[in-house]
All heavy atoms as atom14 arrays in JSON, in Angstrom:
{
  "sequence": "SVAGTDGLGITLDSLGNFQWRPSFDLVDRVEKSRDITIIFQQSLP",
  "atom14_mask": [
    [1, 1, 1, 1, 1, 1, 0, 0, 0, 0, 0, 0, 0, 0],
    [1, 1, 1, 1, 1, 1, 1, 0, 0, 0, 0, 0, 0, 0],
    [1, 1, 1, 1, 1, 0, 0, 0, 0, 0, 0, 0, 0, 0],
    [1, 1, 1, 1, 0, 0, 0, 0, 0, 0, 0, 0, 0, 0],
    [1, 1, 1, 1, 1, 1, 1, 0, 0, 0, 0, 0, 0, 0],
    [1, 1, 1, 1, 1, 1, 1, 1, 0, 0, 0, 0, 0, 0],
    [1, 1, 1, 1, 0, 0, 0, 0, 0, 0, 0, 0, 0, 0],
    [1, 1, 1, 1, 1, 1, 1, 1, 0, 0, 0, 0, 0, 0],
    [1, 1, 1, 1, 0, 0, 0, 0, 0, 0, 0, 0, 0, 0],
    [1, 1, 1, 1, 1, 1, 1, 1, 0, 0, 0, 0, 0, 0],
    [1, 1, 1, 1, 1, 1, 1, 0, 0, 0, 0, 0, 0, 0],
    [1, 1, 1, 1, 1, 1, 1, 1, 0, 0, 0, 0, 0, 0],
    [1, 1, 1, 1, 1, 1, 1, 1, 0, 0, 0, 0, 0, 0],
    [1, 1, 1, 1, 1, 1, 0, 0, 0, 0, 0, 0, 0, 0],
    [1, 1, 1, 1, 1, 1, 1, 1, 0, 0, 0, 0, 0, 0],
    [1, 1, 1, 1, 0, 0, 0, 0, 0, 0, 0, 0, 0, 0],
    [1, 1, 1, 1, 1, 1, 1, 1, 0, 0, 0, 0, 0, 0],
    [1, 1, 1, 1, 1, 1, 1, 1, 1, 1, 1, 0, 0, 0],
    [1, 1, 1, 1, 1, 1, 1, 1, 1, 0, 0, 0, 0, 0],
    [1, 1, 1, 1, 1, 1, 1, 1, 1, 1, 1, 1, 1, 1],
    [1, 1, 1, 1, 1, 1, 1, 1, 1, 1, 1, 0, 0, 0],
    [1, 1, 1, 1, 1, 1, 1, 0, 0, 0, 0, 0, 0, 0],
    [1, 1, 1, 1, 1, 1, 0, 0, 0, 0, 0, 0, 0, 0],
    [1, 1, 1, 1, 1, 1, 1, 1, 1, 1, 1, 0, 0, 0],
    [1, 1, 1, 1, 1, 1, 1, 1, 0, 0, 0, 0, 0, 0],
    [1, 1, 1, 1, 1, 1, 1, 1, 0, 0, 0, 0, 0, 0],
    [1, 1, 1, 1, 1, 1, 1, 0, 0, 0, 0, 0, 0, 0],
    [1, 1, 1, 1, 1, 1, 1, 1, 0, 0, 0, 0, 0, 0],
    [1, 1, 1, 1, 1, 1, 1, 1, 1, 1, 1, 0, 0, 0],
    [1, 1, 1, 1, 1, 1, 1, 0, 0, 0, 0, 0, 0, 0],
    [1, 1, 1, 1, 1, 1, 1, 1, 1, 0, 0, 0, 0, 0],
    [1, 1, 1, 1, 1, 1, 1, 1, 1, 0, 0, 0, 0, 0],
    [1, 1, 1, 1, 1, 1, 0, 0, 0, 0, 0, 0, 0, 0],
    [1, 1, 1, 1, 1, 1, 1, 1, 1, 1, 1, 0, 0, 0],
    [1, 1, 1, 1, 1, 1, 1, 1, 0, 0, 0, 0, 0, 0],
    [1, 1, 1, 1, 1, 1, 1, 1, 0, 0, 0, 0, 0, 0],
    [1, 1, 1, 1, 1, 1, 1, 0, 0, 0, 0, 0, 0, 0],
    [1, 1, 1, 1, 1, 1, 1, 1, 0, 0, 0, 0, 0, 0],
    [1, 1, 1, 1, 1, 1, 1, 1, 0, 0, 0, 0, 0, 0],
    [1, 1, 1, 1, 1, 1, 1, 1, 1, 1, 1, 0, 0, 0],
    [1, 1, 1, 1, 1, 1, 1, 1, 1, 0, 0, 0, 0, 0],
    [1, 1, 1, 1, 1, 1, 1, 1, 1, 0, 0, 0, 0, 0],
    [1, 1, 1, 1, 1, 1, 0, 0, 0, 0, 0, 0, 0, 0],
    [1, 1, 1, 1, 1, 1, 1, 1, 0, 0, 0, 0, 0, 0],
    [1, 1, 1, 1, 1, 1, 1, 0, 0, 0, 0, 0, 0, 0]
  ],
  "atom14_positions": [
    [[-26.27, 27.05, 3.24], [-24.95, 26.3, 3.41], [-23.98, 27.16, 4.16], [-24.1, 28.36, 4.33], [-24.45, 25.84, 2.16], [-24.14, 27.0, 1.28], [0.0, 0.0, 0.0], [0.0, 0.0, 0.0], [0.0, 0.0, 0.0], [0.0, 0.0, 0.0], [0.0, 0.0, 0.0], [0.0, 0.0, 0.0], [0.0, 0.0, 0.0], [0.0, 0.0, 0.0]],
    [[-22.93, 26.47, 4.57], [-21.85, 27.26, 5.36], [-20.51, 26.93, 4.72], [-20.3, 25.85, 4.19], [-21.76, 26.96, 6.87], [-23.02, 27.51, 7.52], [-21.76, 25.44, 7.12], [0.0, 0.0, 0.0], [0.0, 0.0, 0.0], [0.0, 0.0, 0.0], [0.0, 0.0, 0.0], [0.0, 0.0, 0.0], [0.0, 0.0, 0.0], [0.0, 0.0, 0.0]],
    [[-19.49, 27.78, 4.93], [-18.22, 27.56, 4.44], [-17.26, 28.0, 5.59], [-17.55, 28.68, 6.58], [-17.8, 28.38, 3.27], [0.0, 0.0, 0.0], [0.0, 0.0, 0.0], [0.0, 0.0, 0.0], [0.0, 0.0, 0.0], [0.0, 0.0, 0.0], [0.0, 0.0, 0.0], [0.0, 0.0, 0.0], [0.0, 0.0, 0.0], [0.0, 0.0, 0.0]],
    [[-16.12, 27.41, 5.68], [-15.09, 27.75, 6.6], [-15.35, 27.0, 7.94], [-14.89, 27.52, 9.0], [0.0, 0.0, 0.0], [0.0, 0.0, 0.0], [0.0, 0.0, 0.0], [0.0, 0.0, 0.0], [0.0, 0.0, 0.0], [0.0, 0.0, 0.0], [0.0, 0.0, 0.0], [0.0, 0.0, 0.0], [0.0, 0.0, 0.0], [0.0, 0.0, 0.0]],
    [[-15.99, 25.83, 8.0], [-16.26, 25.09, 9.08], [-15.41, 23.83, 9.21], [-15.82, 22.85, 9.95], [-17.74, 24.68, 9.13], [-18.0, 23.83, 7.98], [-18.52, 26.09, 9.03], [0.0, 0.0, 0.0], [0.0, 0.0, 0.0], [0.0, 0.0, 0.0], [0.0, 0.0, 0.0], [0.0, 0.0, 0.0], [0.0, 0.0, 0.0], [0.0, 0.0, 0.0]],
    [[-14.42, 23.58, 8.41], [-13.67, 22.3, 8.51], [-13.13, 22.04, 9.8], [-12.43, 22.9, 10.44], [-12.41, 22.33, 7.53], [-12.98, 22.42, 6.04], [-14.2, 22.0, 5.92], [-12.25, 22.68, 5.16], [0.0, 0.0, 0.0], [0.0, 0.0, 0.0], [0.0, 0.0, 0.0], [0.0, 0.0, 0.0], [0.0, 0.0, 0.0], [0.0, 0.0, 0.0]],
    [[-13.44, 20.83, 10.31], [-12.89, 20.44, 11.69], [-13.71, 21.06, 12.83], [-13.24, 20.76, 14.05], [0.0, 0.0, 0.0], [0.0, 0.0, 0.0], [0.0, 0.0, 0.0], [0.0, 0.0, 0.0], [0.0, 0.0, 0.0], [0.0, 0.0, 0.0], [0.0, 0.0, 0.0], [0.0, 0.0, 0.0], [0.0, 0.0, 0.0], [0.0, 0.0, 0.0]],
    [[-14.71, 21.89, 12.68], [-15.23, 22.5, 13.75], [-16.62, 21.82, 14.31], [-17.0, 21.99, 15.38], [-15.73, 23.87, 13.39], [-14.68, 24.89, 13.02], [-15.11, 26.27, 12.7], [-13.86, 25.02, 14.35], [0.0, 0.0, 0.0], [0.0, 0.0, 0.0], [0.0, 0.0, 0.0], [0.0, 0.0, 0.0], [0.0, 0.0, 0.0], [0.0, 0.0, 0.0]],
    [[-16.95, 20.82, 13.6], [-18.16, 20.0, 13.88], [-19.44, 20.83, 13.63], [-20.48, 20.4, 14.29], [0.0, 0.0, 0.0], [0.0, 0.0, 0.0], [0.0, 0.0, 0.0], [0.0, 0.0, 0.0], [0.0, 0.0, 0.0], [0.0, 0.0, 0.0], [0.0, 0.0, 0.0], [0.0, 0.0, 0.0], [0.0, 0.0, 0.0], [0.0, 0.0, 0.0]],
    [[-19.48, 21.69, 12.83], [-20.67, 22.54, 12.47], [-21.57, 21.85, 11.52], [-21.14, 21.36, 10.53], [-20.35, 24.03, 12.11], [-19.63, 24.68, 13.24], [-21.71, 24.81, 11.62], [-19.18, 26.12, 12.86], [0.0, 0.0, 0.0], [0.0, 0.0, 0.0], [0.0, 0.0, 0.0], [0.0, 0.0, 0.0], [0.0, 0.0, 0.0], [0.0, 0.0, 0.0]],
    [[-22.89, 21.76, 11.81], [-23.86, 21.26, 10.8], [-24.98, 22.4, 10.46], [-25.45, 23.06, 11.36], [-24.53, 19.97, 11.34], [-25.28, 20.3, 12.53], [-23.54, 18.93, 11.5], [0.0, 0.0, 0.0], [0.0, 0.0, 0.0], [0.0, 0.0, 0.0], [0.0, 0.0, 0.0], [0.0, 0.0, 0.0], [0.0, 0.0, 0.0], [0.0, 0.0, 0.0]],
    [[-25.12, 22.48, 9.19], [-26.19, 23.39, 8.75], [-26.85, 22.8, 7.55], [-26.29, 22.55, 6.44], [-25.65, 24.74, 8.38], [-26.68, 25.77, 7.76], [-27.68, 26.17, 8.88], [-26.12, 27.0, 7.16], [0.0, 0.0, 0.0], [0.0, 0.0, 0.0], [0.0, 0.0, 0.0], [0.0, 0.0, 0.0], [0.0, 0.0, 0.0], [0.0, 0.0, 0.0]],
    [[-28.16, 22.28, 7.69], [-28.85, 21.67, 6.51], [-29.39, 22.7, 5.53], [-29.27, 23.9, 5.89], [-29.81, 20.65, 6.97], [-31.02, 21.28, 7.73], [-31.28, 22.4, 7.63], [-31.75, 20.63, 8.57], [0.0, 0.0, 0.0], [0.0, 0.0, 0.0], [0.0, 0.0, 0.0], [0.0, 0.0, 0.0], [0.0, 0.0, 0.0], [0.0, 0.0, 0.0]],
    [[-29.81, 22.34, 4.45], [-30.3, 23.18, 3.43], [-31.55, 23.99, 3.79], [-31.81, 25.06, 3.27], [-30.71, 22.38, 2.12], [-31.68, 21.46, 2.48], [0.0, 0.0, 0.0], [0.0, 0.0, 0.0], [0.0, 0.0, 0.0], [0.0, 0.0, 0.0], [0.0, 0.0, 0.0], [0.0, 0.0, 0.0], [0.0, 0.0, 0.0], [0.0, 0.0, 0.0]],
    [[-32.17, 23.54, 4.88], [-33.41, 24.22, 5.46], [-33.02, 25.25, 6.46], [-33.84, 26.17, 6.89], [-34.37, 23.28, 6.09], [-35.08, 22.25, 5.13], [-35.97, 21.27, 5.92], [-35.63, 22.89, 4.0], [0.0, 0.0, 0.0], [0.0, 0.0, 0.0], [0.0, 0.0, 0.0], [0.0, 0.0, 0.0], [0.0, 0.0, 0.0], [0.0, 0.0, 0.0]],
    [[-31.74, 25.29, 6.82], [-31.27, 26.39, 7.71], [-31.18, 25.95, 9.17], [-30.99, 26.9, 10.07], [0.0, 0.0, 0.0], [0.0, 0.0, 0.0], [0.0, 0.0, 0.0], [0.0, 0.0, 0.0], [0.0, 0.0, 0.0], [0.0, 0.0, 0.0], [0.0, 0.0, 0.0], [0.0, 0.0, 0.0], [0.0, 0.0, 0.0], [0.0, 0.0, 0.0]],
    [[-31.25, 24.73, 9.43], [-31.2, 24.19, 10.78], [-29.71, 24.18, 11.18], [-28.84, 23.29, 10.68], [-31.88, 22.79, 10.91], [-33.28, 22.87, 10.76], [-33.98, 23.63, 11.46], [-33.76, 22.2, 9.82], [0.0, 0.0, 0.0], [0.0, 0.0, 0.0], [0.0, 0.0, 0.0], [0.0, 0.0, 0.0], [0.0, 0.0, 0.0], [0.0, 0.0, 0.0]],
    [[-29.26, 24.98, 12.15], [-27.85, 25.05, 12.54], [-27.69, 24.35, 13.8], [-28.5, 24.68, 14.81], [-27.53, 26.52, 12.63], [-26.07, 26.87, 13.06], [-25.07, 27.02, 12.11], [-25.73, 26.99, 14.35], [-23.73, 27.2, 12.49], [-24.44, 27.13, 14.77], [-23.36, 27.38, 13.9], [0.0, 0.0, 0.0], [0.0, 0.0, 0.0], [0.0, 0.0, 0.0]],
    [[-26.5, 23.73, 13.94], [-26.22, 23.04, 15.32], [-24.63, 22.99, 15.47], [-23.88, 22.57, 14.56], [-26.75, 21.58, 15.36], [-26.45, 20.93, 16.84], [-27.12, 19.59, 16.83], [-27.46, 19.02, 15.86], [-27.26, 19.15, 17.99], [0.0, 0.0, 0.0], [0.0, 0.0, 0.0], [0.0, 0.0, 0.0], [0.0, 0.0, 0.0], [0.0, 0.0, 0.0]],
    [[-24.25, 23.4, 16.66], [-22.65, 23.45, 16.93], [-22.54, 23.3, 18.33], [-23.0, 24.07, 19.18], [-22.15, 24.72, 16.32], [-20.68, 24.69, 16.49], [-19.66, 23.68, 16.49], [-19.78, 25.84, 16.5], [-18.44, 24.16, 16.53], [-18.5, 25.49, 16.67], [-20.01, 27.36, 16.55], [-17.37, 26.43, 16.67], [-19.04, 28.22, 16.74], [-17.63, 27.78, 16.81]],
    [[-21.62, 22.5, 18.74], [-21.11, 22.38, 20.16], [-19.54, 22.42, 20.01], [-18.95, 21.43, 19.69], [-21.54, 21.06, 20.87], [-21.16, 21.11, 22.33], [-21.44, 19.67, 22.89], [-22.81, 19.21, 22.73], [-23.75, 19.51, 23.69], [-23.41, 20.26, 24.78], [-24.97, 19.17, 23.65], [0.0, 0.0, 0.0], [0.0, 0.0, 0.0], [0.0, 0.0, 0.0]],
    [[-18.99, 23.61, 20.32], [-17.46, 23.74, 20.28], [-16.78, 22.67, 21.12], [-17.17, 22.58, 22.27], [-17.2, 25.12, 20.59], [-18.48, 25.96, 20.38], [-19.62, 24.83, 20.62], [0.0, 0.0, 0.0], [0.0, 0.0, 0.0], [0.0, 0.0, 0.0], [0.0, 0.0, 0.0], [0.0, 0.0, 0.0], [0.0, 0.0, 0.0], [0.0, 0.0, 0.0]],
    [[-15.85, 22.03, 20.51], [-15.07, 21.02, 21.32], [-14.2, 21.72, 22.36], [-13.84, 23.03, 22.25], [-14.18, 20.17, 20.33], [-13.27, 21.0, 19.75], [0.0, 0.0, 0.0], [0.0, 0.0, 0.0], [0.0, 0.0, 0.0], [0.0, 0.0, 0.0], [0.0, 0.0, 0.0], [0.0, 0.0, 0.0], [0.0, 0.0, 0.0], [0.0, 0.0, 0.0]],
    [[-13.88, 20.97, 23.34], [-13.02, 21.48, 24.44], [-11.62, 21.73, 24.22], [-10.89, 22.35, 24.87], [-13.05, 20.57, 25.72], [-14.37, 20.66, 26.48], [-15.43, 19.78, 26.2], [-14.73, 21.74, 27.25], [-16.65, 19.78, 26.89], [-15.93, 21.83, 28.02], [-16.89, 20.94, 27.86], [0.0, 0.0, 0.0], [0.0, 0.0, 0.0], [0.0, 0.0, 0.0]],
    [[-11.23, 21.32, 22.92], [-9.85, 21.44, 22.58], [-9.65, 22.56, 21.43], [-8.7, 22.86, 20.87], [-9.14, 20.24, 21.97], [-9.93, 19.69, 20.76], [-10.97, 20.33, 20.39], [-9.45, 18.73, 20.11], [0.0, 0.0, 0.0], [0.0, 0.0, 0.0], [0.0, 0.0, 0.0], [0.0, 0.0, 0.0], [0.0, 0.0, 0.0], [0.0, 0.0, 0.0]],
    [[-10.73, 23.34, 21.45], [-10.88, 24.5, 20.21], [-10.07, 25.67, 20.87], [-9.42, 26.35, 19.97], [-12.28, 24.8, 20.05], [-12.56, 25.76, 18.83], [-11.94, 25.04, 17.56], [-13.99, 26.01, 18.77], [0.0, 0.0, 0.0], [0.0, 0.0, 0.0], [0.0, 0.0, 0.0], [0.0, 0.0, 0.0], [0.0, 0.0, 0.0], [0.0, 0.0, 0.0]],
    [[-10.01, 25.97, 22.04], [-9.4, 27.1, 22.76], [-8.52, 26.59, 23.76], [-8.97, 25.87, 24.63], [-10.39, 28.19, 23.27], [-9.64, 29.39, 23.61], [-11.41, 28.49, 22.19], [0.0, 0.0, 0.0], [0.0, 0.0, 0.0], [0.0, 0.0, 0.0], [0.0, 0.0, 0.0], [0.0, 0.0, 0.0], [0.0, 0.0, 0.0], [0.0, 0.0, 0.0]],
    [[-7.22, 26.99, 23.75], [-6.37, 26.49, 24.87], [-6.42, 27.36, 26.16], [-6.96, 28.37, 26.08], [-4.94, 26.3, 24.31], [-4.29, 27.58, 23.99], [-4.54, 28.65, 24.73], [-3.47, 27.63, 22.9], [0.0, 0.0, 0.0], [0.0, 0.0, 0.0], [0.0, 0.0, 0.0], [0.0, 0.0, 0.0], [0.0, 0.0, 0.0], [0.0, 0.0, 0.0]],
    [[-5.94, 26.85, 27.2], [-5.97, 27.5, 28.47], [-5.18, 28.93, 28.54], [-5.48, 29.69, 29.39], [-5.45, 26.55, 29.57], [-3.99, 26.31, 29.51], [-3.71, 25.28, 30.47], [-2.19, 25.05, 30.62], [-1.24, 25.72, 31.28], [-1.73, 26.72, 32.01], [-0.04, 25.47, 31.32], [0.0, 0.0, 0.0], [0.0, 0.0, 0.0], [0.0, 0.0, 0.0]],
    [[-4.22, 29.01, 27.61], [-3.4, 30.19, 27.67], [-4.12, 31.29, 26.73], [-4.24, 32.48, 27.1], [-1.94, 30.07, 27.15], [-1.28, 31.26, 26.94], [-1.2, 28.98, 27.95], [0.0, 0.0, 0.0], [0.0, 0.0, 0.0], [0.0, 0.0, 0.0], [0.0, 0.0, 0.0], [0.0, 0.0, 0.0], [0.0, 0.0, 0.0], [0.0, 0.0, 0.0]],
    [[-4.78, 30.89, 25.65], [-5.29, 31.8, 24.74], [-6.68, 32.32, 25.26], [-7.01, 33.43, 25.0], [-5.66, 31.05, 23.45], [-6.11, 31.95, 22.33], [-6.33, 31.16, 21.07], [-6.46, 29.81, 21.08], [-6.58, 31.74, 19.96], [0.0, 0.0, 0.0], [0.0, 0.0, 0.0], [0.0, 0.0, 0.0], [0.0, 0.0, 0.0], [0.0, 0.0, 0.0]],
    [[-7.46, 31.43, 26.05], [-8.68, 31.92, 26.79], [-9.71, 32.1, 25.88], [-10.91, 31.68, 26.21], [-8.44, 33.14, 27.62], [-7.53, 33.05, 28.83], [-8.03, 32.01, 29.69], [-6.93, 31.75, 30.93], [-7.47, 30.72, 31.94], [0.0, 0.0, 0.0], [0.0, 0.0, 0.0], [0.0, 0.0, 0.0], [0.0, 0.0, 0.0], [0.0, 0.0, 0.0]],
    [[-9.71, 32.68, 24.79], [-10.87, 32.92, 23.74], [-10.34, 32.91, 22.34], [-9.13, 33.15, 22.08], [-11.55, 34.2, 24.1], [-10.81, 35.25, 23.92], [0.0, 0.0, 0.0], [0.0, 0.0, 0.0], [0.0, 0.0, 0.0], [0.0, 0.0, 0.0], [0.0, 0.0, 0.0], [0.0, 0.0, 0.0], [0.0, 0.0, 0.0], [0.0, 0.0, 0.0]],
    [[-11.18, 32.69, 21.45], [-10.75, 32.62, 20.12], [-11.94, 33.02, 19.11], [-13.11, 32.71, 19.33], [-10.45, 31.15, 19.62], [-10.12, 31.12, 18.14], [-9.74, 29.54, 17.94], [-9.53, 29.33, 16.48], [-9.34, 27.97, 16.05], [-9.33, 27.04, 16.86], [-9.18, 27.82, 14.68], [0.0, 0.0, 0.0], [0.0, 0.0, 0.0], [0.0, 0.0, 0.0]],
    [[-11.59, 33.98, 18.22], [-12.65, 34.35, 17.16], [-12.55, 33.47, 16.05], [-11.57, 33.06, 15.49], [-12.29, 35.87, 16.64], [-12.61, 36.81, 17.63], [-13.38, 36.63, 18.61], [-12.04, 37.94, 17.63], [0.0, 0.0, 0.0], [0.0, 0.0, 0.0], [0.0, 0.0, 0.0], [0.0, 0.0, 0.0], [0.0, 0.0, 0.0], [0.0, 0.0, 0.0]],
    [[-13.84, 33.02, 15.61], [-13.86, 31.99, 14.56], [-14.95, 32.68, 13.45], [-16.05, 32.87, 14.0], [-14.38, 30.66, 14.93], [-13.34, 30.09, 15.92], [-14.73, 29.81, 13.74], [-13.61, 28.77, 16.48], [0.0, 0.0, 0.0], [0.0, 0.0, 0.0], [0.0, 0.0, 0.0], [0.0, 0.0, 0.0], [0.0, 0.0, 0.0], [0.0, 0.0, 0.0]],
    [[-14.6, 32.77, 12.31], [-15.33, 33.34, 11.21], [-16.1, 32.32, 10.45], [-15.32, 31.46, 9.96], [-14.52, 34.37, 10.36], [-13.93, 35.27, 11.11], [-15.44, 34.94, 9.2], [0.0, 0.0, 0.0], [0.0, 0.0, 0.0], [0.0, 0.0, 0.0], [0.0, 0.0, 0.0], [0.0, 0.0, 0.0], [0.0, 0.0, 0.0], [0.0, 0.0, 0.0]],
    [[-17.33, 32.41, 10.31], [-18.13, 31.28, 9.59], [-18.87, 32.07, 8.56], [-19.41, 33.15, 8.75], [-19.11, 30.59, 10.56], [-18.33, 29.87, 11.6], [-19.96, 29.59, 9.63], [-19.19, 29.15, 12.58], [0.0, 0.0, 0.0], [0.0, 0.0, 0.0], [0.0, 0.0, 0.0], [0.0, 0.0, 0.0], [0.0, 0.0, 0.0], [0.0, 0.0, 0.0]],
    [[-18.86, 31.54, 7.24], [-19.54, 32.18, 6.22], [-20.82, 31.43, 5.97], [-20.86, 30.32, 5.57], [-18.68, 32.15, 4.92], [-17.39, 32.94, 5.29], [-19.39, 32.88, 3.74], [-16.29, 32.76, 4.11], [0.0, 0.0, 0.0], [0.0, 0.0, 0.0], [0.0, 0.0, 0.0], [0.0, 0.0, 0.0], [0.0, 0.0, 0.0], [0.0, 0.0, 0.0]],
    [[-22.03, 32.15, 6.15], [-23.28, 31.62, 5.72], [-23.68, 32.02, 4.32], [-23.41, 33.04, 3.85], [-24.37, 32.17, 6.75], [-24.2, 31.63, 8.16], [-23.29, 32.28, 9.0], [-24.8, 30.57, 8.57], [-23.24, 31.8, 10.36], [-24.73, 30.09, 9.9], [-23.87, 30.68, 10.7], [0.0, 0.0, 0.0], [0.0, 0.0, 0.0], [0.0, 0.0, 0.0]],
    [[-24.21, 31.03, 3.64], [-24.56, 31.19, 2.3], [-26.06, 30.88, 2.0], [-26.51, 29.94, 2.55], [-23.63, 30.41, 1.38], [-22.17, 30.81, 1.53], [-21.3, 29.85, 0.55], [-20.41, 30.21, 0.17], [-21.79, 28.64, 0.44], [0.0, 0.0, 0.0], [0.0, 0.0, 0.0], [0.0, 0.0, 0.0], [0.0, 0.0, 0.0], [0.0, 0.0, 0.0]],
    [[-26.65, 31.62, 1.09], [-28.06, 31.11, 0.63], [-28.12, 31.23, -0.87], [-27.49, 32.26, -1.52], [-29.19, 31.96, 1.32], [-28.87, 33.37, 1.02], [-30.16, 34.26, 1.75], [-31.09, 33.69, 2.22], [-29.98, 35.56, 1.7], [0.0, 0.0, 0.0], [0.0, 0.0, 0.0], [0.0, 0.0, 0.0], [0.0, 0.0, 0.0], [0.0, 0.0, 0.0]],
    [[-28.57, 30.17, -1.43], [-28.82, 30.01, -2.91], [-30.2, 30.27, -3.22], [-31.06, 29.63, -2.76], [-28.26, 28.46, -3.42], [-26.98, 28.41, -3.09], [0.0, 0.0, 0.0], [0.0, 0.0, 0.0], [0.0, 0.0, 0.0], [0.0, 0.0, 0.0], [0.0, 0.0, 0.0], [0.0, 0.0, 0.0], [0.0, 0.0, 0.0], [0.0, 0.0, 0.0]],
    [[-30.33, 31.42, -4.1], [-31.76, 31.8, -4.42], [-32.22, 31.16, -5.72], [-31.42, 30.51, -6.41], [-31.61, 33.28, -4.75], [-31.05, 34.33, -3.54], [-31.08, 35.65, -3.96], [-31.89, 33.92, -2.32], [0.0, 0.0, 0.0], [0.0, 0.0, 0.0], [0.0, 0.0, 0.0], [0.0, 0.0, 0.0], [0.0, 0.0, 0.0], [0.0, 0.0, 0.0]],
    [[-33.59, 30.95, -5.93], [-34.11, 30.35, -7.04], [-33.63, 30.83, -8.3], [-33.61, 30.11, -9.41], [-35.62, 30.5, -6.84], [-35.86, 30.86, -5.48], [-34.62, 31.69, -4.87], [0.0, 0.0, 0.0], [0.0, 0.0, 0.0], [0.0, 0.0, 0.0], [0.0, 0.0, 0.0], [0.0, 0.0, 0.0], [0.0, 0.0, 0.0], [0.0, 0.0, 0.0]]
  ]
}
């Protein structure tokens, strides 16, 4: 599972299939780049 992905459009199913296409409004033309921290989690048996 993942945490900290609200509004980012990130999907990660329980099998670990990750998919993300950052939207074009995520970084503005003045900022140029942006660091985004995503927390990956695994639940053990």
